[in-house]
Each structure stands twice: as structure tokens, then as C-alpha cells.
Amino acid sequence: MSPTNTPGPASVPAHVAVIMDGNGRWAQARGLPRTAGHKQGAEAVRRTLIGAGDLGIKYLTLFGFSAENWRRPESEISALMGLLRIYLRSEIAELHSRGARVRVIGDMSRFAPDITAMIAQAEDLTRHNTAINLTIALNYGGRQEITAAARTLAQEAAAGRLDPKAINEALFETCLTTAGMPDPDLLIRTSGEQRVSNFLLWQCAYAEMIFTDTLWPDFDRHHLEEAIVEFNRRQRRFGAVAGAR
């Protein structure tokens, strides 16, 4: 990409969400075990976070591990948990120094106690940082999140603490794990797949979606800039006619 095409601060989406896909295929193409792809994927996370911060993106949300990923072979899950431990131990200090606020969304109940403790420590350490908000979705599913929010409101109504007529979109959003965050403006999925895979189903209702053939381990700032340039070519109408928002 030439310098003239690099997006300026005013044209950068506030919130970018990424479905990081293609680690296994990257490794397979090189005759390597899938774990090698996941390791390279962790490096892509670092590059993308630095690039997002430099470009002025305020919210970056990454799909790290889905609720459906538990169906993978036990050996691969064990390796992924090991990589997660390494990432939490080695990267949080640097994220903190860069002013990143780290949050994890998803069901933490299936993770080992040491992992949940490290996640809590990372969130607590970076709680007051404001340079960029990094959210990592772990054991996350959009349908599960919406179901849990509906259950919470149903329980409040059944207990007489909530009038069902008071339930609206704004109230529903307060029960989501992303409460307080703006919805994604841009959703990027790598590896050529063109589906959202149960990721941020409520939040991405009006997100622009960009699908790239690049495998996640190869993703870098250049690819992020290309996606933002394409984002700026889109006309976002939010259900209205052009120019009538």
C-alpha cells in the first residue's frame, strides 16, 4: 500500500473486530503441526495490536477461542491452553506499557483456575489504561451470550424486579458481556471463509464485513490498513437512504 492510501485518523473506525482464522492451514501448508500455526498467530496478534494503536483505533476485539472450539482434538486444546498461559505471562506487561486495557469476554468456567486468575490479574492491572481497548473473546459464543442476557432479564421479570414492558434494546445491551463498549464498525475475517461463526451476533448488526484470503499468521498492519481503506469506500446508511441519516 502506498503512503497516500494509508488511512488518516479521521477515517479510522473506532471499533474493529477480528475473527482470527487460518492458523491450522498456515501450518499445514508448511508441513508443520497446527500448534506452530497458533504460535505464529500469537505474533500476528502483537503486530495487529501495535498497528491498531498506531492508527488510532480505540477498540480492538479478537475472537481467540469459540465455545465450539472445545470439539477440537484434546492435544490441540491442551496446546492452545499452554499458549494462552504463555501469552498471559509474557505479553501483559508490554500491553500495560502501551496503555492497552485488556478485557476477556466469554464463559470462564471451563478454564483452569490458574488461567482465570491470570486473566483477572491482567484486567485489574490494565483497568485504567485508555490508549486502546483490547478485548479477547475466549470460550465465547454469540448465541450463548444472547441467551444468557435473555435469561437474566427473564429472571428479573419473574422476581418482580422488572416490568417486561421496560425491556428494550438499550436495557438488553446492559446484560451483554460487551456492555459499555461501542458496537464494531468493522468486522474482519481472515483465511477466505465468509461467515461470522457465532461471533458478536448482536453487536455486529451494522458492522461492515471484510473477508480476506490472508491466513491469520500472515496478517499485519498492511492488511489492517487495506481493510480500513475498503471500509472507507463503503456507504454506511444504517437502514436509511443515502445522505438521510
Protein backbone atom coordinates (compact mmCIF):
# COMPACT_ATOMS: atom_id res chain seq x y z
CA MET A 1 0.00 0.00 0.00
CA SER A 2 1.38 3.41 -0.89
CA PRO A 3 1.64 6.10 1.82
CA THR A 4 -1.10 8.08 0.09
CA ASN A 5 -3.57 5.28 0.77
CA THR A 6 -2.77 4.96 4.46
CA PRO A 7 -5.92 5.88 6.40
CA GLY A 8 -5.77 9.07 8.42
CA PRO A 9 -7.05 9.42 11.99
CA ALA A 10 -10.43 10.83 10.94
CA SER A 11 -11.15 7.85 8.69
CA VAL A 12 -10.29 5.10 11.15
CA PRO A 13 -13.17 3.03 12.60
CA ALA A 14 -13.48 3.31 16.36
CA HIS A 15 -14.01 -0.43 16.88
CA VAL A 16 -12.54 -3.23 14.79
CA ALA A 17 -13.41 -6.86 15.47
CA VAL A 18 -11.39 -9.72 14.00
CA ILE A 19 -12.12 -13.41 13.51
CA MET A 20 -8.60 -14.80 13.50
CA ASP A 21 -8.79 -17.80 11.18
CA GLY A 22 -6.28 -19.90 9.29
CA ASN A 23 -3.63 -20.91 11.85
CA GLY A 24 -4.05 -24.61 11.09
CA ARG A 25 -3.98 -24.15 7.33
CA TRP A 26 -0.90 -21.95 7.60
CA ALA A 27 0.92 -24.71 9.46
CA GLN A 28 -0.34 -27.48 7.19
CA ALA A 29 0.88 -25.65 4.09
CA ARG A 30 4.38 -25.68 5.63
CA GLY A 31 4.30 -29.26 6.84
CA LEU A 32 4.22 -28.09 10.46
CA PRO A 33 2.00 -29.13 13.37
CA ARG A 34 -1.11 -27.00 13.96
CA THR A 35 0.46 -25.67 17.18
CA ALA A 36 3.10 -23.92 15.07
CA GLY A 37 0.32 -22.02 13.34
CA HIS A 38 -1.14 -20.97 16.68
CA LYS A 39 2.27 -19.70 17.80
CA GLN A 40 2.59 -17.61 14.66
CA GLY A 41 -0.98 -16.46 15.21
CA ALA A 42 0.07 -15.04 18.58
CA GLU A 43 2.72 -12.97 16.79
CA ALA A 44 0.04 -11.68 14.44
CA VAL A 45 -1.96 -10.55 17.48
CA ARG A 46 1.04 -8.50 18.62
CA ARG A 47 1.51 -6.92 15.17
CA THR A 48 -2.16 -6.14 14.79
CA LEU A 49 -2.48 -4.58 18.22
CA ILE A 50 0.54 -2.34 17.62
CA GLY A 51 -0.78 -1.37 14.20
CA ALA A 52 -4.26 -0.66 15.55
CA GLY A 53 -2.84 1.55 18.28
CA ASP A 54 -0.65 3.46 15.82
CA LEU A 55 -3.63 4.01 13.51
CA GLY A 56 -5.80 5.39 16.32
CA ILE A 57 -8.27 2.51 16.63
CA LYS A 58 -9.71 2.71 20.14
CA TYR A 59 -11.33 -0.74 20.39
CA LEU A 60 -9.92 -4.00 19.05
CA THR A 61 -11.85 -7.22 19.72
CA LEU A 62 -10.31 -10.56 18.79
CA PHE A 63 -12.04 -13.94 18.57
CA GLY A 64 -9.49 -16.12 20.33
CA PHE A 65 -11.38 -19.31 21.20
CA SER A 66 -15.01 -20.10 20.49
CA ALA A 67 -17.43 -22.14 22.57
CA GLU A 68 -17.39 -24.64 19.71
CA ASN A 69 -13.59 -24.99 19.70
CA TRP A 70 -13.76 -27.46 22.59
CA ARG A 71 -14.68 -30.03 19.93
CA ARG A 72 -11.12 -29.98 18.62
CA PRO A 73 -8.68 -32.79 19.49
CA GLU A 74 -7.65 -32.81 23.15
CA SER A 75 -3.98 -32.45 22.22
CA GLU A 76 -4.68 -29.25 20.29
CA ILE A 77 -6.81 -27.80 23.09
CA SER A 78 -4.04 -28.57 25.58
CA ALA A 79 -1.52 -26.82 23.35
CA LEU A 80 -3.83 -23.81 22.97
CA MET A 81 -4.23 -23.54 26.73
CA GLY A 82 -0.45 -23.66 27.07
CA LEU A 83 -0.08 -20.85 24.55
CA LEU A 84 -2.71 -18.84 26.37
CA ARG A 85 -0.76 -19.22 29.60
CA ILE A 86 2.45 -18.11 27.89
CA TYR A 87 0.69 -15.11 26.32
CA LEU A 88 -0.83 -14.01 29.62
CA ARG A 89 2.53 -14.29 31.39
CA SER A 90 4.71 -12.68 28.73
CA GLU A 91 2.57 -10.07 26.99
CA ILE A 92 0.50 -8.35 29.66
CA ALA A 93 3.36 -6.18 30.94
CA GLU A 94 4.01 -4.91 27.41
CA LEU A 95 0.31 -4.32 26.80
CA HIS A 96 0.18 -2.34 30.03
CA SER A 97 3.20 -0.26 28.98
CA ARG A 98 1.43 0.53 25.70
CA GLY A 99 -1.61 1.79 27.57
CA ALA A 100 -3.86 -1.08 26.50
CA ARG A 101 -6.83 -2.03 28.59
CA VAL A 102 -7.33 -5.80 28.45
CA ARG A 103 -10.73 -7.43 28.83
CA VAL A 104 -11.80 -11.01 28.28
CA ILE A 105 -15.36 -11.93 27.37
CA GLY A 106 -16.89 -15.40 27.34
CA ASP A 107 -17.60 -18.20 29.78
CA MET A 108 -14.56 -18.59 32.04
CA SER A 109 -15.97 -21.60 33.90
CA ARG A 110 -14.23 -24.18 31.68
CA PHE A 111 -10.75 -22.72 32.07
CA ALA A 112 -8.25 -23.90 34.66
CA PRO A 113 -8.03 -21.79 37.84
CA ASP A 114 -4.54 -20.50 37.01
CA ILE A 115 -5.76 -19.18 33.66
CA THR A 116 -8.77 -17.42 35.16
CA ALA A 117 -6.51 -15.94 37.85
CA MET A 118 -4.09 -14.57 35.24
CA ILE A 119 -6.99 -13.12 33.25
CA ALA A 120 -8.30 -11.38 36.37
CA GLN A 121 -4.83 -10.01 37.13
CA ALA A 122 -4.44 -8.71 33.57
CA GLU A 123 -7.83 -7.00 33.67
CA ASP A 124 -7.10 -5.45 37.06
CA LEU A 125 -3.60 -4.25 36.09
CA THR A 126 -4.78 -2.55 32.89
CA ARG A 127 -8.19 -1.37 34.09
CA HIS A 128 -7.39 2.35 33.92
CA ASN A 129 -5.49 2.35 30.61
CA THR A 130 -7.02 4.38 27.80
CA ALA A 131 -4.74 4.14 24.73
CA ILE A 132 -6.61 1.17 23.25
CA ASN A 133 -9.20 -1.30 24.50
CA LEU A 134 -8.18 -4.88 23.69
CA THR A 135 -10.99 -7.40 24.17
CA ILE A 136 -10.29 -11.10 23.71
CA ALA A 137 -13.21 -13.48 23.29
CA LEU A 138 -12.47 -16.84 24.94
CA ASN A 139 -14.95 -19.71 25.17
CA TYR A 140 -17.33 -17.21 23.61
CA GLY A 141 -20.46 -17.72 21.52
CA GLY A 142 -22.85 -15.03 20.33
CA ARG A 143 -25.95 -17.17 20.70
CA GLN A 144 -24.88 -18.21 24.18
CA GLU A 145 -24.32 -14.56 25.12
CA ILE A 146 -27.76 -13.52 23.86
CA THR A 147 -29.40 -16.46 25.64
CA ALA A 148 -27.68 -15.57 28.90
CA ALA A 149 -28.80 -11.94 28.62
CA ALA A 150 -32.39 -13.01 27.94
CA ARG A 151 -32.26 -15.38 30.92
CA THR A 152 -31.04 -12.58 33.19
CA LEU A 153 -33.90 -10.29 32.17
CA ALA A 154 -36.43 -13.13 32.45
CA GLN A 155 -35.26 -13.87 35.99
CA GLU A 156 -35.56 -10.19 36.94
CA ALA A 157 -39.08 -10.06 35.50
CA ALA A 158 -40.12 -13.30 37.20
CA ALA A 159 -38.87 -11.95 40.53
CA GLY A 160 -40.99 -8.82 40.10
CA ARG A 161 -37.98 -6.52 39.88
CA LEU A 162 -38.50 -5.67 36.21
CA ASP A 163 -41.55 -4.75 34.18
CA PRO A 164 -41.32 -6.73 30.90
CA LYS A 165 -42.63 -3.64 29.08
CA ALA A 166 -39.45 -1.84 30.14
CA ILE A 167 -37.24 -4.24 28.17
CA ASN A 168 -35.78 -2.54 25.11
CA GLU A 169 -32.56 -2.74 23.13
CA ALA A 170 -30.68 -0.39 25.44
CA LEU A 171 -31.58 -2.42 28.51
CA PHE A 172 -30.79 -5.69 26.77
CA GLU A 173 -27.32 -4.42 25.85
CA THR A 174 -26.51 -3.80 29.51
CA CYS A 175 -26.75 -7.57 30.03
CA LEU A 176 -24.25 -8.41 27.30
CA THR A 177 -20.58 -9.07 28.03
CA THR A 178 -19.68 -6.05 25.87
CA ALA A 179 -21.78 -3.62 27.92
CA GLY A 180 -20.28 -0.15 27.79
CA MET A 181 -18.39 -0.76 24.54
CA PRO A 182 -19.41 0.67 21.17
CA ASP A 183 -20.55 -1.82 18.55
CA PRO A 184 -17.92 -2.83 15.99
CA ASP A 185 -17.77 -0.61 12.91
CA LEU A 186 -15.70 -3.15 11.01
CA LEU A 187 -15.51 -6.94 11.21
CA ILE A 188 -12.56 -8.63 9.51
CA ARG A 189 -12.29 -12.38 8.94
CA THR A 190 -9.09 -13.90 7.65
CA SER A 191 -8.43 -17.12 5.66
CA GLY A 192 -11.11 -16.68 2.99
CA GLU A 193 -14.05 -18.01 4.97
CA GLN A 194 -17.16 -15.83 4.67
CA ARG A 195 -19.24 -16.36 7.78
CA VAL A 196 -19.41 -14.83 11.25
CA SER A 197 -19.20 -18.13 13.17
CA ASN A 198 -21.34 -17.10 16.15
CA PHE A 199 -19.19 -14.03 16.90
CA LEU A 200 -20.74 -10.83 18.27
CA LEU A 201 -24.09 -11.56 16.62
CA TRP A 202 -25.95 -8.74 18.38
CA GLN A 203 -23.09 -6.24 18.23
CA CYS A 204 -22.27 -6.67 14.54
CA ALA A 205 -25.79 -5.88 13.32
CA TYR A 206 -24.48 -2.89 11.33
CA ALA A 207 -20.79 -3.69 11.06
CA GLU A 208 -19.13 -3.57 7.68
CA MET A 209 -17.69 -7.02 6.95
CA ILE A 210 -14.46 -7.62 5.09
CA PHE A 211 -13.23 -11.11 4.25
CA THR A 212 -9.61 -11.58 3.26
CA ASP A 213 -7.84 -14.66 1.90
CA THR A 214 -4.81 -13.88 4.07
CA LEU A 215 -4.26 -16.51 6.75
CA TRP A 216 -4.14 -15.07 10.24
CA PRO A 217 -0.43 -15.82 10.92
CA ASP A 218 0.43 -13.65 7.89
CA PHE A 219 -1.85 -10.76 8.89
CA ASP A 220 -0.10 -7.48 9.69
CA ARG A 221 -0.57 -3.72 9.69
CA HIS A 222 -0.55 -3.62 5.89
CA HIS A 223 -3.62 -5.89 5.77
CA LEU A 224 -5.31 -3.87 8.51
CA GLU A 225 -4.75 -0.67 6.54
CA GLU A 226 -6.15 -2.29 3.39
CA ALA A 227 -9.28 -3.27 5.30
CA ILE A 228 -9.71 0.27 6.59
CA VAL A 229 -9.32 1.71 3.11
CA GLU A 230 -12.05 -0.66 1.91
CA PHE A 231 -14.17 0.29 4.95
CA ASN A 232 -13.98 3.92 3.88
CA ARG A 233 -15.22 3.06 0.39
CA ARG A 234 -18.46 1.76 1.90
CA GLN A 235 -21.51 3.99 2.36
CA ARG A 236 -22.94 3.25 5.79
CA ARG A 237 -26.67 4.06 5.84
CA PHE A 238 -27.90 2.19 8.94
CA GLY A 239 -31.21 1.45 7.24
CA ALA A 240 -31.75 4.99 5.93
CA VAL A 241 -31.38 6.24 2.37
CA ALA A 242 -28.09 7.77 1.29
CA GLY A 243 -27.44 11.12 2.93
CA ALA A 244 -30.54 10.95 5.12
CA ARG A 245 -29.14 9.79 8.47
